[in-house]
Amino acid sequence: MTDVIRHHAHPRSRRTDRIEFRLLMVLSFPFFLVATCAARLLRDRSAPSGGEAGGSVFAEARAAAASAIPFAFMG
């Protein structure tokens, strides 16, 4: 007969995950904001005149941060 050992890890609560997500968002948003501004400046210099106008820099930085943060919760 084989003995089965089960490890009962305490699952993290949703509240803890939300707090960590918000903390990571607050810490990473400035980095993505600077990166987005730099990308816009470089793109605007190389773009021919009459290029299409982009959306909000803040919205783009927020979307980039929100798409990168979930990788911190994998594993």
PDB file of N, CA and C in Angstrom:
ATOM      1  N   MET A   1       0.837  -1.165   0.000  1.00  0.00           N
ATOM      2  CA  MET A   1       0.000   0.000   0.000  1.00  0.00           C
ATOM      3  C   MET A   1       0.896   1.247   0.000  1.00  0.00           C
ATOM      4  N   THR A   2       0.546   2.215  -0.787  1.00  0.00           N
ATOM      5  CA  THR A   2       1.341   3.424  -0.924  1.00  0.00           C
ATOM      6  C   THR A   2       0.740   4.537  -0.075  1.00  0.00           C
ATOM      7  N   ASP A   3       1.586   5.171   0.685  1.00  0.00           N
ATOM      8  CA  ASP A   3       1.135   6.319   1.476  1.00  0.00           C
ATOM      9  C   ASP A   3       1.192   7.570   0.607  1.00  0.00           C
ATOM     10  N   VAL A   4       0.153   8.338   0.658  1.00  0.00           N
ATOM     11  CA  VAL A   4       0.081   9.578  -0.112  1.00  0.00           C
ATOM     12  C   VAL A   4       0.253  10.732   0.856  1.00  0.00           C
ATOM     13  N   ILE A   5       1.220  11.557   0.580  1.00  0.00           N
ATOM     14  CA  ILE A   5       1.457  12.732   1.420  1.00  0.00           C
ATOM     15  C   ILE A   5       0.900  13.945   0.690  1.00  0.00           C
ATOM     16  N   ARG A   6       0.036  14.632   1.359  1.00  0.00           N
ATOM     17  CA  ARG A   6      -0.555  15.832   0.770  1.00  0.00           C
ATOM     18  C   ARG A   6      -0.041  17.051   1.505  1.00  0.00           C
ATOM     19  N   HIS A   7       0.380  17.977   0.731  1.00  0.00           N
ATOM     20  CA  HIS A   7       0.832  19.238   1.305  1.00  0.00           C
ATOM     21  C   HIS A   7      -0.324  20.220   1.193  1.00  0.00           C
ATOM     22  N   HIS A   8      -0.769  20.670   2.322  1.00  0.00           N
ATOM     23  CA  HIS A   8      -1.868  21.633   2.331  1.00  0.00           C
ATOM     24  C   HIS A   8      -1.300  23.030   2.484  1.00  0.00           C
ATOM     25  N   ALA A   9      -1.094  23.664   1.374  1.00  0.00           N
ATOM     26  CA  ALA A   9      -0.628  25.043   1.401  1.00  0.00           C
ATOM     27  C   ALA A   9      -1.825  25.948   1.609  1.00  0.00           C
ATOM     28  N   HIS A  10      -1.620  26.980   2.364  1.00  0.00           N
ATOM     29  CA  HIS A  10      -2.705  27.925   2.580  1.00  0.00           C
ATOM     30  C   HIS A  10      -2.877  28.760   1.315  1.00  0.00           C
ATOM     31  N   PRO A  11      -4.034  28.659   0.712  1.00  0.00           N
ATOM     32  CA  PRO A  11      -4.238  29.457  -0.498  1.00  0.00           C
ATOM     33  C   PRO A  11      -4.296  30.943  -0.143  1.00  0.00           C
ATOM     34  N   ARG A  12      -3.694  31.730  -1.012  1.00  0.00           N
ATOM     35  CA  ARG A  12      -3.733  33.168  -0.767  1.00  0.00           C
ATOM     36  C   ARG A  12      -5.144  33.668  -1.013  1.00  0.00           C
ATOM     37  N   SER A  13      -5.565  34.556  -0.198  1.00  0.00           N
ATOM     38  CA  SER A  13      -6.916  35.083  -0.346  1.00  0.00           C
ATOM     39  C   SER A  13      -6.976  36.069  -1.510  1.00  0.00           C
ATOM     40  N   ARG A  14      -8.157  36.282  -1.969  1.00  0.00           N
ATOM     41  CA  ARG A  14      -8.337  37.243  -3.067  1.00  0.00           C
ATOM     42  C   ARG A  14      -7.981  38.648  -2.605  1.00  0.00           C
ATOM     43  N   ARG A  15      -8.264  38.932  -1.350  1.00  0.00           N
ATOM     44  CA  ARG A  15      -7.964  40.260  -0.807  1.00  0.00           C
ATOM     45  C   ARG A  15      -6.457  40.512  -0.844  1.00  0.00           C
ATOM     46  N   THR A  16      -5.689  39.528  -0.464  1.00  0.00           N
ATOM     47  CA  THR A  16      -4.236  39.657  -0.501  1.00  0.00           C
ATOM     48  C   THR A  16      -3.738  39.844  -1.928  1.00  0.00           C
ATOM     49  N   ASP A  17      -4.298  39.099  -2.861  1.00  0.00           N
ATOM     50  CA  ASP A  17      -3.919  39.252  -4.269  1.00  0.00           C
ATOM     51  C   ASP A  17      -4.246  40.648  -4.779  1.00  0.00           C
ATOM     52  N   ARG A  18      -5.412  41.163  -4.398  1.00  0.00           N
ATOM     53  CA  ARG A  18      -5.791  42.520  -4.833  1.00  0.00           C
ATOM     54  C   ARG A  18      -4.841  43.568  -4.271  1.00  0.00           C
ATOM     55  N   ILE A  19      -4.487  43.418  -3.014  1.00  0.00           N
ATOM     56  CA  ILE A  19      -3.567  44.374  -2.396  1.00  0.00           C
ATOM     57  C   ILE A  19      -2.211  44.321  -3.084  1.00  0.00           C
ATOM     58  N   GLU A  20      -1.712  43.118  -3.343  1.00  0.00           N
ATOM     59  CA  GLU A  20      -0.422  42.978  -4.027  1.00  0.00           C
ATOM     60  C   GLU A  20      -0.482  43.535  -5.444  1.00  0.00           C
ATOM     61  N   PHE A  21      -1.604  43.303  -6.147  1.00  0.00           N
ATOM     62  CA  PHE A  21      -1.749  43.831  -7.504  1.00  0.00           C
ATOM     63  C   PHE A  21      -1.710  45.356  -7.487  1.00  0.00           C
ATOM     64  N   ARG A  22      -2.435  45.948  -6.556  1.00  0.00           N
ATOM     65  CA  ARG A  22      -2.444  47.415  -6.478  1.00  0.00           C
ATOM     66  C   ARG A  22      -1.070  47.969  -6.126  1.00  0.00           C
ATOM     67  N   LEU A  23      -0.378  47.306  -5.219  1.00  0.00           N
ATOM     68  CA  LEU A  23       0.961  47.747  -4.844  1.00  0.00           C
ATOM     69  C   LEU A  23       1.909  47.665  -6.039  1.00  0.00           C
ATOM     70  N   LEU A  24       1.860  46.559  -6.753  1.00  0.00           N
ATOM     71  CA  LEU A  24       2.704  46.431  -7.948  1.00  0.00           C
ATOM     72  C   LEU A  24       2.330  47.453  -9.014  1.00  0.00           C
ATOM     73  N   MET A  25       1.054  47.773  -9.122  1.00  0.00           N
ATOM     74  CA  MET A  25       0.607  48.776 -10.090  1.00  0.00           C
ATOM     75  C   MET A  25       1.164  50.152  -9.724  1.00  0.00           C
ATOM     76  N   VAL A  26       1.085  50.495  -8.451  1.00  0.00           N
ATOM     77  CA  VAL A  26       1.597  51.795  -8.000  1.00  0.00           C
ATOM     78  C   VAL A  26       3.114  51.885  -8.205  1.00  0.00           C
ATOM     79  N   LEU A  27       3.805  50.788  -7.975  1.00  0.00           N
ATOM     80  CA  LEU A  27       5.255  50.800  -8.116  1.00  0.00           C
ATOM     81  C   LEU A  27       5.722  50.743  -9.567  1.00  0.00           C
ATOM     82  N   SER A  28       4.979  50.052 -10.415  1.00  0.00           N
ATOM     83  CA  SER A  28       5.436  49.884 -11.794  1.00  0.00           C
ATOM     84  C   SER A  28       4.881  50.938 -12.759  1.00  0.00           C
ATOM     85  N   PHE A  29       3.791  51.594 -12.411  1.00  0.00           N
ATOM     86  CA  PHE A  29       3.182  52.576 -13.326  1.00  0.00           C
ATOM     87  C   PHE A  29       4.157  53.683 -13.725  1.00  0.00           C
ATOM     88  N   PRO A  30       4.908  54.277 -12.775  1.00  0.00           N
ATOM     89  CA  PRO A  30       5.854  55.330 -13.206  1.00  0.00           C
ATOM     90  C   PRO A  30       6.880  54.843 -14.223  1.00  0.00           C
ATOM     91  N   PHE A  31       7.362  53.617 -14.062  1.00  0.00           N
ATOM     92  CA  PHE A  31       8.309  53.061 -15.028  1.00  0.00           C
ATOM     93  C   PHE A  31       7.672  52.972 -16.412  1.00  0.00           C
ATOM     94  N   PHE A  32       6.454  52.428 -16.478  1.00  0.00           N
ATOM     95  CA  PHE A  32       5.786  52.295 -17.774  1.00  0.00           C
ATOM     96  C   PHE A  32       5.393  53.652 -18.345  1.00  0.00           C
ATOM     97  N   LEU A  33       5.116  54.624 -17.485  1.00  0.00           N
ATOM     98  CA  LEU A  33       4.792  55.967 -17.970  1.00  0.00           C
ATOM     99  C   LEU A  33       6.005  56.596 -18.641  1.00  0.00           C
ATOM    100  N   VAL A  34       7.157  56.479 -18.022  1.00  0.00           N
ATOM    101  CA  VAL A  34       8.387  57.015 -18.622  1.00  0.00           C
ATOM    102  C   VAL A  34       8.704  56.279 -19.919  1.00  0.00           C
ATOM    103  N   ALA A  35       8.560  54.957 -19.908  1.00  0.00           N
ATOM    104  CA  ALA A  35       8.839  54.181 -21.120  1.00  0.00           C
ATOM    105  C   ALA A  35       7.877  54.548 -22.249  1.00  0.00           C
ATOM    106  N   THR A  36       6.623  54.766 -21.908  1.00  0.00           N
ATOM    107  CA  THR A  36       5.633  55.142 -22.920  1.00  0.00           C
ATOM    108  C   THR A  36       5.930  56.524 -23.488  1.00  0.00           C
ATOM    109  N   CYS A  37       6.288  57.470 -22.613  1.00  0.00           N
ATOM    110  CA  CYS A  37       6.635  58.817 -23.084  1.00  0.00           C
ATOM    111  C   CYS A  37       7.865  58.776 -23.996  1.00  0.00           C
ATOM    112  N   ALA A  38       8.868  58.004 -23.602  1.00  0.00           N
ATOM    113  CA  ALA A  38      10.074  57.894 -24.432  1.00  0.00           C
ATOM    114  C   ALA A  38       9.749  57.270 -25.783  1.00  0.00           C
ATOM    115  N   ALA A  39       8.914  56.237 -25.770  1.00  0.00           N
ATOM    116  CA  ALA A  39       8.538  55.596 -27.033  1.00  0.00           C
ATOM    117  C   ALA A  39       7.768  56.563 -27.923  1.00  0.00           C
ATOM    118  N   ARG A  40       6.895  57.352 -27.319  1.00  0.00           N
ATOM    119  CA  ARG A  40       6.139  58.337 -28.110  1.00  0.00           C
ATOM    120  C   ARG A  40       7.060  59.382 -28.716  1.00  0.00           C
ATOM    121  N   LEU A  41       8.021  59.868 -27.919  1.00  0.00           N
ATOM    122  CA  LEU A  41       8.938  60.881 -28.445  1.00  0.00           C
ATOM    123  C   LEU A  41       9.772  60.332 -29.594  1.00  0.00           C
ATOM    124  N   LEU A  42      10.271  59.126 -29.434  1.00  0.00           N
ATOM    125  CA  LEU A  42      11.076  58.521 -30.498  1.00  0.00           C
ATOM    126  C   LEU A  42      10.234  58.206 -31.726  1.00  0.00           C
ATOM    127  N   ARG A  43       9.015  57.751 -31.505  1.00  0.00           N
ATOM    128  CA  ARG A  43       8.125  57.419 -32.618  1.00  0.00           C
ATOM    129  C   ARG A  43       7.717  58.687 -33.368  1.00  0.00           C
ATOM    130  N   ASP A  44       7.461  59.797 -32.622  1.00  0.00           N
ATOM    131  CA  ASP A  44       7.042  61.038 -33.261  1.00  0.00           C
ATOM    132  C   ASP A  44       8.162  61.645 -34.101  1.00  0.00           C
ATOM    133  N   ARG A  45       9.396  61.474 -33.680  1.00  0.00           N
ATOM    134  CA  ARG A  45      10.515  61.997 -34.468  1.00  0.00           C
ATOM    135  C   ARG A  45      10.683  61.257 -35.781  1.00  0.00           C
ATOM    136  N   SER A  46      10.470  59.952 -35.737  1.00  0.00           N
ATOM    137  CA  SER A  46      10.698  59.154 -36.936  1.00  0.00           C
ATOM    138  C   SER A  46       9.463  59.056 -37.827  1.00  0.00           C
ATOM    139  N   ALA A  47       8.301  59.442 -37.297  1.00  0.00           N
ATOM    140  CA  ALA A  47       7.060  59.345 -38.079  1.00  0.00           C
ATOM    141  C   ALA A  47       6.973  60.510 -39.059  1.00  0.00           C
ATOM    142  N   PRO A  48       6.475  60.238 -40.235  1.00  0.00           N
ATOM    143  CA  PRO A  48       6.286  61.337 -41.193  1.00  0.00           C
ATOM    144  C   PRO A  48       5.174  62.259 -40.705  1.00  0.00           C
ATOM    145  N   SER A  49       5.189  63.480 -41.163  1.00  0.00           N
ATOM    146  CA  SER A  49       4.153  64.430 -40.730  1.00  0.00           C
ATOM    147  C   SER A  49       2.789  63.949 -41.186  1.00  0.00           C
ATOM    148  N   GLY A  50       1.791  64.272 -40.395  1.00  0.00           N
ATOM    149  CA  GLY A  50       0.437  63.832 -40.720  1.00  0.00           C
ATOM    150  C   GLY A  50       0.117  62.466 -40.156  1.00  0.00           C
ATOM    151  N   GLY A  51       0.966  61.967 -39.229  1.00  0.00           N
ATOM    152  CA  GLY A  51       0.712  60.671 -38.605  1.00  0.00           C
ATOM    153  C   GLY A  51      -0.538  60.725 -37.744  1.00  0.00           C
ATOM    154  N   GLU A  52      -1.117  59.580 -37.480  1.00  0.00           N
ATOM    155  CA  GLU A  52      -2.340  59.558 -36.689  1.00  0.00           C
ATOM    156  C   GLU A  52      -2.034  59.826 -35.225  1.00  0.00           C
ATOM    157  N   ALA A  53      -2.935  60.530 -34.556  1.00  0.00           N
ATOM    158  CA  ALA A  53      -2.768  60.878 -33.147  1.00  0.00           C
ATOM    159  C   ALA A  53      -3.052  59.662 -32.283  1.00  0.00           C
ATOM    160  N   GLY A  54      -2.234  59.469 -31.254  1.00  0.00           N
ATOM    161  CA  GLY A  54      -2.417  58.344 -30.352  1.00  0.00           C
ATOM    162  C   GLY A  54      -3.370  58.704 -29.219  1.00  0.00           C
ATOM    163  N   GLY A  55      -3.654  57.736 -28.383  1.00  0.00           N
ATOM    164  CA  GLY A  55      -4.514  57.964 -27.238  1.00  0.00           C
ATOM    165  C   GLY A  55      -3.726  58.565 -26.093  1.00  0.00           C
ATOM    166  N   SER A  56      -4.275  58.491 -24.919  1.00  0.00           N
ATOM    167  CA  SER A  56      -3.652  59.039 -23.734  1.00  0.00           C
ATOM    168  C   SER A  56      -2.388  58.262 -23.373  1.00  0.00           C
ATOM    169  N   VAL A  57      -1.354  58.996 -23.007  1.00  0.00           N
ATOM    170  CA  VAL A  57      -0.107  58.372 -22.570  1.00  0.00           C
ATOM    171  C   VAL A  57      -0.361  57.609 -21.272  1.00  0.00           C
ATOM    172  N   PHE A  58      -1.196  58.170 -20.406  1.00  0.00           N
ATOM    173  CA  PHE A  58      -1.508  57.533 -19.137  1.00  0.00           C
ATOM    174  C   PHE A  58      -2.269  56.224 -19.339  1.00  0.00           C
ATOM    175  N   ALA A  59      -3.202  56.224 -20.280  1.00  0.00           N
ATOM    176  CA  ALA A  59      -3.967  55.004 -20.556  1.00  0.00           C
ATOM    177  C   ALA A  59      -3.069  53.921 -21.138  1.00  0.00           C
ATOM    178  N   GLU A  60      -2.154  54.319 -22.001  1.00  0.00           N
ATOM    179  CA  GLU A  60      -1.236  53.346 -22.603  1.00  0.00           C
ATOM    180  C   GLU A  60      -0.291  52.772 -21.549  1.00  0.00           C
ATOM    181  N   ALA A  61       0.212  53.626 -20.640  1.00  0.00           N
ATOM    182  CA  ALA A  61       1.099  53.159 -19.579  1.00  0.00           C
ATOM    183  C   ALA A  61       0.350  52.254 -18.604  1.00  0.00           C
ATOM    184  N   ARG A  62      -0.883  52.598 -18.299  1.00  0.00           N
ATOM    185  CA  ARG A  62      -1.697  51.771 -17.391  1.00  0.00           C
ATOM    186  C   ARG A  62      -1.961  50.401 -18.016  1.00  0.00           C
ATOM    187  N   ALA A  63      -2.264  50.383 -19.299  1.00  0.00           N
ATOM    188  CA  ALA A  63      -2.511  49.112 -19.989  1.00  0.00           C
ATOM    189  C   ALA A  63      -1.243  48.253 -20.035  1.00  0.00           C
ATOM    190  N   ALA A  64      -0.095  48.877 -20.247  1.00  0.00           N
ATOM    191  CA  ALA A  64       1.156  48.128 -20.277  1.00  0.00           C
ATOM    192  C   ALA A  64       1.470  47.537 -18.905  1.00  0.00           C
ATOM    193  N   ALA A  65       1.252  48.315 -17.851  1.00  0.00           N
ATOM    194  CA  ALA A  65       1.501  47.821 -16.494  1.00  0.00           C
ATOM    195  C   ALA A  65       0.535  46.699 -16.144  1.00  0.00           C
ATOM    196  N   ALA A  66      -0.733  46.888 -16.495  1.00  0.00           N
ATOM    197  CA  ALA A  66      -1.750  45.876 -16.179  1.00  0.00           C
ATOM    198  C   ALA A  66      -1.512  44.575 -16.939  1.00  0.00           C
ATOM    199  N   SER A  67      -0.892  44.651 -18.108  1.00  0.00           N
ATOM    200  CA  SER A  67      -0.622  43.423 -18.859  1.00  0.00           C
ATOM    201  C   SER A  67       0.654  42.728 -18.385  1.00  0.00           C
ATOM    202  N   ALA A  68       1.570  43.469 -17.771  1.00  0.00           N
ATOM    203  CA  ALA A  68       2.831  42.882 -17.315  1.00  0.00           C
ATOM    204  C   ALA A  68       2.743  42.335 -15.894  1.00  0.00           C
ATOM    205  N   ILE A  69       1.934  42.926 -15.045  1.00  0.00           N
ATOM    206  CA  ILE A  69       1.867  42.535 -13.633  1.00  0.00           C
ATOM    207  C   ILE A  69       1.413  41.097 -13.411  1.00  0.00           C
ATOM    208  N   PRO A  70       0.447  40.564 -14.142  1.00  0.00           N
ATOM    209  CA  PRO A  70       0.026  39.189 -13.868  1.00  0.00           C
ATOM    210  C   PRO A  70       1.153  38.161 -13.929  1.00  0.00           C
ATOM    211  N   PHE A  71       2.219  38.460 -14.635  1.00  0.00           N
ATOM    212  CA  PHE A  71       3.345  37.524 -14.686  1.00  0.00           C
ATOM    213  C   PHE A  71       4.001  37.364 -13.316  1.00  0.00           C
ATOM    214  N   ALA A  72       3.844  38.347 -12.444  1.00  0.00           N
ATOM    215  CA  ALA A  72       4.405  38.250 -11.094  1.00  0.00           C
ATOM    216  C   ALA A  72       3.640  37.229 -10.264  1.00  0.00           C
ATOM    217  N   PHE A  73       2.394  36.930 -10.637  1.00  0.00           N
ATOM    218  CA  PHE A  73       1.570  36.011  -9.874  1.00  0.00           C
ATOM    219  C   PHE A  73       1.642  34.583 -10.405  1.00  0.00           C
ATOM    220  N   MET A  74       2.395  34.375 -11.470  1.00  0.00           N
ATOM    221  CA  MET A  74       2.541  33.013 -12.014  1.00  0.00           C
ATOM    222  C   MET A  74       3.642  32.287 -11.255  1.00  0.00           C
ATOM    223  N   GLY A  75       3.309  31.165 -10.743  1.00  0.00           N
ATOM    224  CA  GLY A  75       4.352  30.382 -10.096  1.00  0.00           C
ATOM    225  C   GLY A  75       4.234  30.275  -8.637  1.00  0.00           C
TER     226      GLY A  75
END
